[in-house]
Structure formats: structure tokens, C-alpha cells
Amino acid sequence: MGETVEKKAAPKKAKKPGFFKGVKSEFKKISWPDKNSTFKQSVAVVSISIVVGVIIAILDYVIQYGVNFIATM
């Protein structure tokens, strides 16, 4: 009962490079789009968002009309 438990020293880990150094090296790999490409992609996103919004509004109106038609029978 009087035994002592020896704690083993944890193996030393290799030092990792700093987080921000890794971020900096990854940012150097990024190829940023030019102004024209960014504009075209932005127009595409806004246009598609408007189209999808209109489709959802039409579906909502049709489904609401159908539910009201069935409910008033």
C-alpha cells in the first residue's frame, strides 16, 4: 500500500510553427480575382437571388391559394 507511483515525463513535442506564420504563408498562395471578374460574379449572385426569390414567392402564393381553397370547401 505504501508504493509510490512514478510519473513518466511526457515526450517533448516538436515545436510547431506559429499560427499566424501559417496564415501568412497560405495568403501568399491565394490568387485574388480581378475587378471585372468580381463584378460579373456579383451580378450573377444578385440576379440568381432575385430569380429564386420570385420563384419562392410564386410557389408560396399558389400553395396558399390551394390551402385556402381546400379549407373553404
PDB file of N, CA and C in Angstrom:
ATOM      1  N   MET A   1       0.801  -1.190   0.000  1.00  0.00           N
ATOM      2  CA  MET A   1       0.000   0.000   0.000  1.00  0.00           C
ATOM      3  C   MET A   1       0.848   1.259   0.000  1.00  0.00           C
ATOM      4  N   GLY A   2       2.030   1.168   0.439  1.00  0.00           N
ATOM      5  CA  GLY A   2       2.880   2.322   0.521  1.00  0.00           C
ATOM      6  C   GLY A   2       3.703   2.546  -0.734  1.00  0.00           C
ATOM      7  N   GLU A   3       3.259   1.954  -1.869  1.00  0.00           N
ATOM      8  CA  GLU A   3       4.016   2.095  -3.103  1.00  0.00           C
ATOM      9  C   GLU A   3       3.804   3.488  -3.691  1.00  0.00           C
ATOM     10  N   THR A   4       4.849   4.036  -4.248  1.00  0.00           N
ATOM     11  CA  THR A   4       4.725   5.332  -4.911  1.00  0.00           C
ATOM     12  C   THR A   4       4.684   5.107  -6.414  1.00  0.00           C
ATOM     13  N   VAL A   5       3.886   5.876  -7.048  1.00  0.00           N
ATOM     14  CA  VAL A   5       3.747   5.759  -8.497  1.00  0.00           C
ATOM     15  C   VAL A   5       4.626   6.820  -9.134  1.00  0.00           C
ATOM     16  N   GLU A   6       5.531   6.369  -9.986  1.00  0.00           N
ATOM     17  CA  GLU A   6       6.408   7.312 -10.663  1.00  0.00           C
ATOM     18  C   GLU A   6       5.709   7.826 -11.919  1.00  0.00           C
ATOM     19  N   LYS A   7       5.770   9.107 -12.102  1.00  0.00           N
ATOM     20  CA  LYS A   7       5.198   9.701 -13.305  1.00  0.00           C
ATOM     21  C   LYS A   7       6.298   9.789 -14.336  1.00  0.00           C
ATOM     22  N   LYS A   8       5.985   9.299 -15.513  1.00  0.00           N
ATOM     23  CA  LYS A   8       6.950   9.379 -16.607  1.00  0.00           C
ATOM     24  C   LYS A   8       6.838  10.748 -17.256  1.00  0.00           C
ATOM     25  N   ALA A   9       7.944  11.284 -17.628  1.00  0.00           N
ATOM     26  CA  ALA A   9       7.954  12.581 -18.302  1.00  0.00           C
ATOM     27  C   ALA A   9       7.370  12.420 -19.702  1.00  0.00           C
ATOM     28  N   ALA A  10       6.512  13.346 -20.077  1.00  0.00           N
ATOM     29  CA  ALA A  10       5.908  13.301 -21.405  1.00  0.00           C
ATOM     30  C   ALA A  10       6.987  13.577 -22.449  1.00  0.00           C
ATOM     31  N   PRO A  11       6.907  12.853 -23.572  1.00  0.00           N
ATOM     32  CA  PRO A  11       7.913  13.102 -24.607  1.00  0.00           C
ATOM     33  C   PRO A  11       7.779  14.531 -25.134  1.00  0.00           C
ATOM     34  N   LYS A  12       8.906  15.124 -25.440  1.00  0.00           N
ATOM     35  CA  LYS A  12       8.887  16.510 -25.925  1.00  0.00           C
ATOM     36  C   LYS A  12       8.359  16.538 -27.348  1.00  0.00           C
ATOM     37  N   LYS A  13       7.461  17.468 -27.573  1.00  0.00           N
ATOM     38  CA  LYS A  13       6.868  17.615 -28.902  1.00  0.00           C
ATOM     39  C   LYS A  13       7.714  18.570 -29.722  1.00  0.00           C
ATOM     40  N   ALA A  14       7.737  18.302 -31.016  1.00  0.00           N
ATOM     41  CA  ALA A  14       8.451  19.219 -31.905  1.00  0.00           C
ATOM     42  C   ALA A  14       7.684  20.541 -31.938  1.00  0.00           C
ATOM     43  N   LYS A  15       8.386  21.631 -31.921  1.00  0.00           N
ATOM     44  CA  LYS A  15       7.735  22.938 -31.912  1.00  0.00           C
ATOM     45  C   LYS A  15       7.067  23.206 -33.256  1.00  0.00           C
ATOM     46  N   LYS A  16       5.792  23.554 -33.200  1.00  0.00           N
ATOM     47  CA  LYS A  16       5.034  23.840 -34.416  1.00  0.00           C
ATOM     48  C   LYS A  16       5.256  25.291 -34.807  1.00  0.00           C
ATOM     49  N   PRO A  17       5.204  25.579 -36.101  1.00  0.00           N
ATOM     50  CA  PRO A  17       5.322  26.990 -36.499  1.00  0.00           C
ATOM     51  C   PRO A  17       4.102  27.751 -35.993  1.00  0.00           C
ATOM     52  N   GLY A  18       4.261  29.028 -35.778  1.00  0.00           N
ATOM     53  CA  GLY A  18       3.174  29.846 -35.254  1.00  0.00           C
ATOM     54  C   GLY A  18       1.978  29.869 -36.182  1.00  0.00           C
ATOM     55  N   PHE A  19       0.825  30.050 -35.586  1.00  0.00           N
ATOM     56  CA  PHE A  19      -0.422  30.077 -36.346  1.00  0.00           C
ATOM     57  C   PHE A  19      -0.405  31.178 -37.397  1.00  0.00           C
ATOM     58  N   PHE A  20       0.009  32.361 -37.007  1.00  0.00           N
ATOM     59  CA  PHE A  20      -0.032  33.498 -37.927  1.00  0.00           C
ATOM     60  C   PHE A  20       1.001  33.359 -39.041  1.00  0.00           C
ATOM     61  N   LYS A  21       2.095  32.662 -38.780  1.00  0.00           N
ATOM     62  CA  LYS A  21       3.058  32.410 -39.851  1.00  0.00           C
ATOM     63  C   LYS A  21       2.444  31.485 -40.893  1.00  0.00           C
ATOM     64  N   GLY A  22       1.672  30.505 -40.438  1.00  0.00           N
ATOM     65  CA  GLY A  22       0.977  29.606 -41.356  1.00  0.00           C
ATOM     66  C   GLY A  22      -0.074  30.340 -42.169  1.00  0.00           C
ATOM     67  N   VAL A  23      -0.795  31.225 -41.513  1.00  0.00           N
ATOM     68  CA  VAL A  23      -1.815  32.009 -42.212  1.00  0.00           C
ATOM     69  C   VAL A  23      -1.163  32.885 -43.271  1.00  0.00           C
ATOM     70  N   LYS A  24      -0.046  33.498 -42.915  1.00  0.00           N
ATOM     71  CA  LYS A  24       0.654  34.375 -43.856  1.00  0.00           C
ATOM     72  C   LYS A  24       1.126  33.586 -45.078  1.00  0.00           C
ATOM     73  N   SER A  25       1.644  32.394 -44.862  1.00  0.00           N
ATOM     74  CA  SER A  25       2.121  31.601 -46.000  1.00  0.00           C
ATOM     75  C   SER A  25       0.957  31.142 -46.877  1.00  0.00           C
ATOM     76  N   GLU A  26      -0.194  30.858 -46.265  1.00  0.00           N
ATOM     77  CA  GLU A  26      -1.363  30.459 -47.057  1.00  0.00           C
ATOM     78  C   GLU A  26      -1.915  31.638 -47.852  1.00  0.00           C
ATOM     79  N   PHE A  27      -1.881  32.828 -47.290  1.00  0.00           N
ATOM     80  CA  PHE A  27      -2.365  34.016 -48.002  1.00  0.00           C
ATOM     81  C   PHE A  27      -1.519  34.299 -49.238  1.00  0.00           C
ATOM     82  N   LYS A  28      -0.252  33.937 -49.197  1.00  0.00           N
ATOM     83  CA  LYS A  28       0.597  34.142 -50.367  1.00  0.00           C
ATOM     84  C   LYS A  28       0.186  33.236 -51.526  1.00  0.00           C
ATOM     85  N   LYS A  29      -0.492  32.125 -51.233  1.00  0.00           N
ATOM     86  CA  LYS A  29      -0.903  31.171 -52.262  1.00  0.00           C
ATOM     87  C   LYS A  29      -2.215  31.560 -52.942  1.00  0.00           C
ATOM     88  N   ILE A  30      -2.943  32.511 -52.370  1.00  0.00           N
ATOM     89  CA  ILE A  30      -4.258  32.889 -52.898  1.00  0.00           C
ATOM     90  C   ILE A  30      -4.098  33.689 -54.181  1.00  0.00           C
ATOM     91  N   SER A  31      -4.903  33.330 -55.189  1.00  0.00           N
ATOM     92  CA  SER A  31      -4.944  34.152 -56.402  1.00  0.00           C
ATOM     93  C   SER A  31      -6.275  34.910 -56.376  1.00  0.00           C
ATOM     94  N   TRP A  32      -6.198  36.196 -56.129  1.00  0.00           N
ATOM     95  CA  TRP A  32      -7.390  37.011 -55.998  1.00  0.00           C
ATOM     96  C   TRP A  32      -7.964  37.332 -57.373  1.00  0.00           C
ATOM     97  N   PRO A  33      -9.306  37.328 -57.527  1.00  0.00           N
ATOM     98  CA  PRO A  33      -9.911  37.659 -58.825  1.00  0.00           C
ATOM     99  C   PRO A  33      -9.735  39.136 -59.148  1.00  0.00           C
ATOM    100  N   ASP A  34      -9.735  39.412 -60.446  1.00  0.00           N
ATOM    101  CA  ASP A  34      -9.606  40.810 -60.861  1.00  0.00           C
ATOM    102  C   ASP A  34     -10.955  41.527 -60.709  1.00  0.00           C
ATOM    103  N   LYS A  35     -10.940  42.834 -60.913  1.00  0.00           N
ATOM    104  CA  LYS A  35     -12.118  43.665 -60.687  1.00  0.00           C
ATOM    105  C   LYS A  35     -13.282  43.253 -61.593  1.00  0.00           C
ATOM    106  N   ASN A  36     -12.995  42.971 -62.853  1.00  0.00           N
ATOM    107  CA  ASN A  36     -14.035  42.610 -63.813  1.00  0.00           C
ATOM    108  C   ASN A  36     -14.696  41.282 -63.420  1.00  0.00           C
ATOM    109  N   SER A  37     -13.898  40.311 -63.046  1.00  0.00           N
ATOM    110  CA  SER A  37     -14.428  39.010 -62.648  1.00  0.00           C
ATOM    111  C   SER A  37     -15.294  39.134 -61.395  1.00  0.00           C
ATOM    112  N   THR A  38     -14.840  39.928 -60.444  1.00  0.00           N
ATOM    113  CA  THR A  38     -15.601  40.138 -59.212  1.00  0.00           C
ATOM    114  C   THR A  38     -16.942  40.789 -59.517  1.00  0.00           C
ATOM    115  N   PHE A  39     -16.967  41.756 -60.412  1.00  0.00           N
ATOM    116  CA  PHE A  39     -18.207  42.423 -60.784  1.00  0.00           C
ATOM    117  C   PHE A  39     -19.176  41.441 -61.438  1.00  0.00           C
ATOM    118  N   LYS A  40     -18.681  40.626 -62.376  1.00  0.00           N
ATOM    119  CA  LYS A  40     -19.545  39.656 -63.066  1.00  0.00           C
ATOM    120  C   LYS A  40     -20.126  38.635 -62.088  1.00  0.00           C
ATOM    121  N   GLN A  41     -19.311  38.168 -61.167  1.00  0.00           N
ATOM    122  CA  GLN A  41     -19.792  37.189 -60.201  1.00  0.00           C
ATOM    123  C   GLN A  41     -20.810  37.812 -59.248  1.00  0.00           C
ATOM    124  N   SER A  42     -20.605  39.055 -58.876  1.00  0.00           N
ATOM    125  CA  SER A  42     -21.555  39.744 -58.002  1.00  0.00           C
ATOM    126  C   SER A  42     -22.897  39.931 -58.691  1.00  0.00           C
ATOM    127  N   VAL A  43     -22.867  40.310 -59.967  1.00  0.00           N
ATOM    128  CA  VAL A  43     -24.108  40.465 -60.736  1.00  0.00           C
ATOM    129  C   VAL A  43     -24.833  39.123 -60.842  1.00  0.00           C
ATOM    130  N   ALA A  44     -24.077  38.059 -61.053  1.00  0.00           N
ATOM    131  CA  ALA A  44     -24.680  36.728 -61.160  1.00  0.00           C
ATOM    132  C   ALA A  44     -25.352  36.327 -59.844  1.00  0.00           C
ATOM    133  N   VAL A  45     -24.697  36.583 -58.724  1.00  0.00           N
ATOM    134  CA  VAL A  45     -25.265  36.222 -57.419  1.00  0.00           C
ATOM    135  C   VAL A  45     -26.544  37.006 -57.149  1.00  0.00           C
ATOM    136  N   VAL A  46     -26.527  38.310 -57.414  1.00  0.00           N
ATOM    137  CA  VAL A  46     -27.717  39.126 -57.171  1.00  0.00           C
ATOM    138  C   VAL A  46     -28.855  38.694 -58.098  1.00  0.00           C
ATOM    139  N   SER A  47     -28.550  38.436 -59.368  1.00  0.00           N
ATOM    140  CA  SER A  47     -29.582  38.030 -60.331  1.00  0.00           C
ATOM    141  C   SER A  47     -30.220  36.702 -59.929  1.00  0.00           C
ATOM    142  N   ILE A  48     -29.397  35.741 -59.587  1.00  0.00           N
ATOM    143  CA  ILE A  48     -29.926  34.430 -59.200  1.00  0.00           C
ATOM    144  C   ILE A  48     -30.742  34.545 -57.917  1.00  0.00           C
ATOM    145  N   SER A  49     -30.305  35.371 -56.990  1.00  0.00           N
ATOM    146  CA  SER A  49     -31.050  35.560 -55.741  1.00  0.00           C
ATOM    147  C   SER A  49     -32.433  36.141 -56.016  1.00  0.00           C
ATOM    148  N   ILE A  50     -32.511  37.100 -56.928  1.00  0.00           N
ATOM    149  CA  ILE A  50     -33.803  37.695 -57.282  1.00  0.00           C
ATOM    150  C   ILE A  50     -34.708  36.665 -57.943  1.00  0.00           C
ATOM    151  N   VAL A  51     -34.159  35.895 -58.873  1.00  0.00           N
ATOM    152  CA  VAL A  51     -34.957  34.867 -59.571  1.00  0.00           C
ATOM    153  C   VAL A  51     -35.477  33.828 -58.577  1.00  0.00           C
ATOM    154  N   VAL A  52     -34.619  33.345 -57.693  1.00  0.00           N
ATOM    155  CA  VAL A  52     -35.049  32.350 -56.708  1.00  0.00           C
ATOM    156  C   VAL A  52     -36.094  32.947 -55.769  1.00  0.00           C
ATOM    157  N   GLY A  53     -35.929  34.215 -55.380  1.00  0.00           N
ATOM    158  CA  GLY A  53     -36.919  34.878 -54.533  1.00  0.00           C
ATOM    159  C   GLY A  53     -38.279  34.963 -55.205  1.00  0.00           C
ATOM    160  N   VAL A  54     -38.295  35.287 -56.504  1.00  0.00           N
ATOM    161  CA  VAL A  54     -39.555  35.362 -57.251  1.00  0.00           C
ATOM    162  C   VAL A  54     -40.203  33.977 -57.343  1.00  0.00           C
ATOM    163  N   ILE A  55     -39.410  32.952 -57.603  1.00  0.00           N
ATOM    164  CA  ILE A  55     -39.943  31.581 -57.687  1.00  0.00           C
ATOM    165  C   ILE A  55     -40.553  31.171 -56.350  1.00  0.00           C
ATOM    166  N   ILE A  56     -39.870  31.463 -55.257  1.00  0.00           N
ATOM    167  CA  ILE A  56     -40.398  31.114 -53.930  1.00  0.00           C
ATOM    168  C   ILE A  56     -41.684  31.886 -53.648  1.00  0.00           C
ATOM    169  N   ALA A  57     -41.747  33.164 -54.039  1.00  0.00           N
ATOM    170  CA  ALA A  57     -42.955  33.962 -53.818  1.00  0.00           C
ATOM    171  C   ALA A  57     -44.132  33.394 -54.608  1.00  0.00           C
ATOM    172  N   ILE A  58     -43.886  32.981 -55.850  1.00  0.00           N
ATOM    173  CA  ILE A  58     -44.958  32.397 -56.676  1.00  0.00           C
ATOM    174  C   ILE A  58     -45.436  31.086 -56.070  1.00  0.00           C
ATOM    175  N   LEU A  59     -44.490  30.219 -55.667  1.00  0.00           N
ATOM    176  CA  LEU A  59     -44.877  28.957 -55.042  1.00  0.00           C
ATOM    177  C   LEU A  59     -45.657  29.197 -53.751  1.00  0.00           C
ATOM    178  N   ASP A  60     -45.259  30.174 -52.977  1.00  0.00           N
ATOM    179  CA  ASP A  60     -45.950  30.497 -51.736  1.00  0.00           C
ATOM    180  C   ASP A  60     -47.381  30.936 -52.019  1.00  0.00           C
ATOM    181  N   TYR A  61     -47.548  31.774 -53.030  1.00  0.00           N
ATOM    182  CA  TYR A  61     -48.882  32.251 -53.388  1.00  0.00           C
ATOM    183  C   TYR A  61     -49.767  31.094 -53.851  1.00  0.00           C
ATOM    184  N   VAL A  62     -49.230  30.223 -54.693  1.00  0.00           N
ATOM    185  CA  VAL A  62     -50.007  29.091 -55.220  1.00  0.00           C
ATOM    186  C   VAL A  62     -50.388  28.136 -54.092  1.00  0.00           C
ATOM    187  N   ILE A  63     -49.444  27.830 -53.229  1.00  0.00           N
ATOM    188  CA  ILE A  63     -49.740  26.905 -52.123  1.00  0.00           C
ATOM    189  C   ILE A  63     -50.745  27.529 -51.165  1.00  0.00           C
ATOM    190  N   GLN A  64     -50.616  28.806 -50.891  1.00  0.00           N
ATOM    191  CA  GLN A  64     -51.558  29.483 -50.010  1.00  0.00           C
ATOM    192  C   GLN A  64     -52.962  29.472 -50.626  1.00  0.00           C
ATOM    193  N   TYR A  65     -53.045  29.715 -51.917  1.00  0.00           N
ATOM    194  CA  TYR A  65     -54.334  29.690 -52.603  1.00  0.00           C
ATOM    195  C   TYR A  65     -54.941  28.287 -52.517  1.00  0.00           C
ATOM    196  N   GLY A  66     -54.115  27.268 -52.734  1.00  0.00           N
ATOM    197  CA  GLY A  66     -54.605  25.890 -52.674  1.00  0.00           C
ATOM    198  C   GLY A  66     -55.090  25.515 -51.287  1.00  0.00           C
ATOM    199  N   VAL A  67     -54.361  25.899 -50.261  1.00  0.00           N
ATOM    200  CA  VAL A  67     -54.774  25.583 -48.892  1.00  0.00           C
ATOM    201  C   VAL A  67     -56.067  26.325 -48.549  1.00  0.00           C
ATOM    202  N   ASN A  68     -56.173  27.580 -48.929  1.00  0.00           N
ATOM    203  CA  ASN A  68     -57.405  28.339 -48.666  1.00  0.00           C
ATOM    204  C   ASN A  68     -58.584  27.762 -49.428  1.00  0.00           C
ATOM    205  N   PHE A  69     -58.355  27.282 -50.638  1.00  0.00           N
ATOM    206  CA  PHE A  69     -59.426  26.670 -51.443  1.00  0.00           C
ATOM    207  C   PHE A  69     -59.925  25.394 -50.762  1.00  0.00           C
ATOM    208  N   ILE A  70     -58.989  24.574 -50.285  1.00  0.00           N
ATOM    209  CA  ILE A  70     -59.362  23.326 -49.631  1.00  0.00           C
ATOM    210  C   ILE A  70     -60.045  23.619 -48.283  1.00  0.00           C
ATOM    211  N   ALA A  71     -59.559  24.624 -47.560  1.00  0.00           N
ATOM    212  CA  ALA A  71     -60.108  24.927 -46.239  1.00  0.00           C
ATOM    213  C   ALA A  71     -61.524  25.487 -46.309  1.00  0.00           C
ATOM    214  N   THR A  72     -61.883  26.144 -47.418  1.00  0.00           N
ATOM    215  CA  THR A  72     -63.213  26.749 -47.510  1.00  0.00           C
ATOM    216  C   THR A  72     -64.225  25.802 -48.126  1.00  0.00           C
ATOM    217  N   MET A  73     -63.852  24.612 -48.442  1.00  0.00           N
ATOM    218  CA  MET A  73     -64.799  23.663 -49.055  1.00  0.00           C
ATOM    219  C   MET A  73     -65.811  23.179 -48.072  1.00  0.00           C
TER     220      MET A  73
END
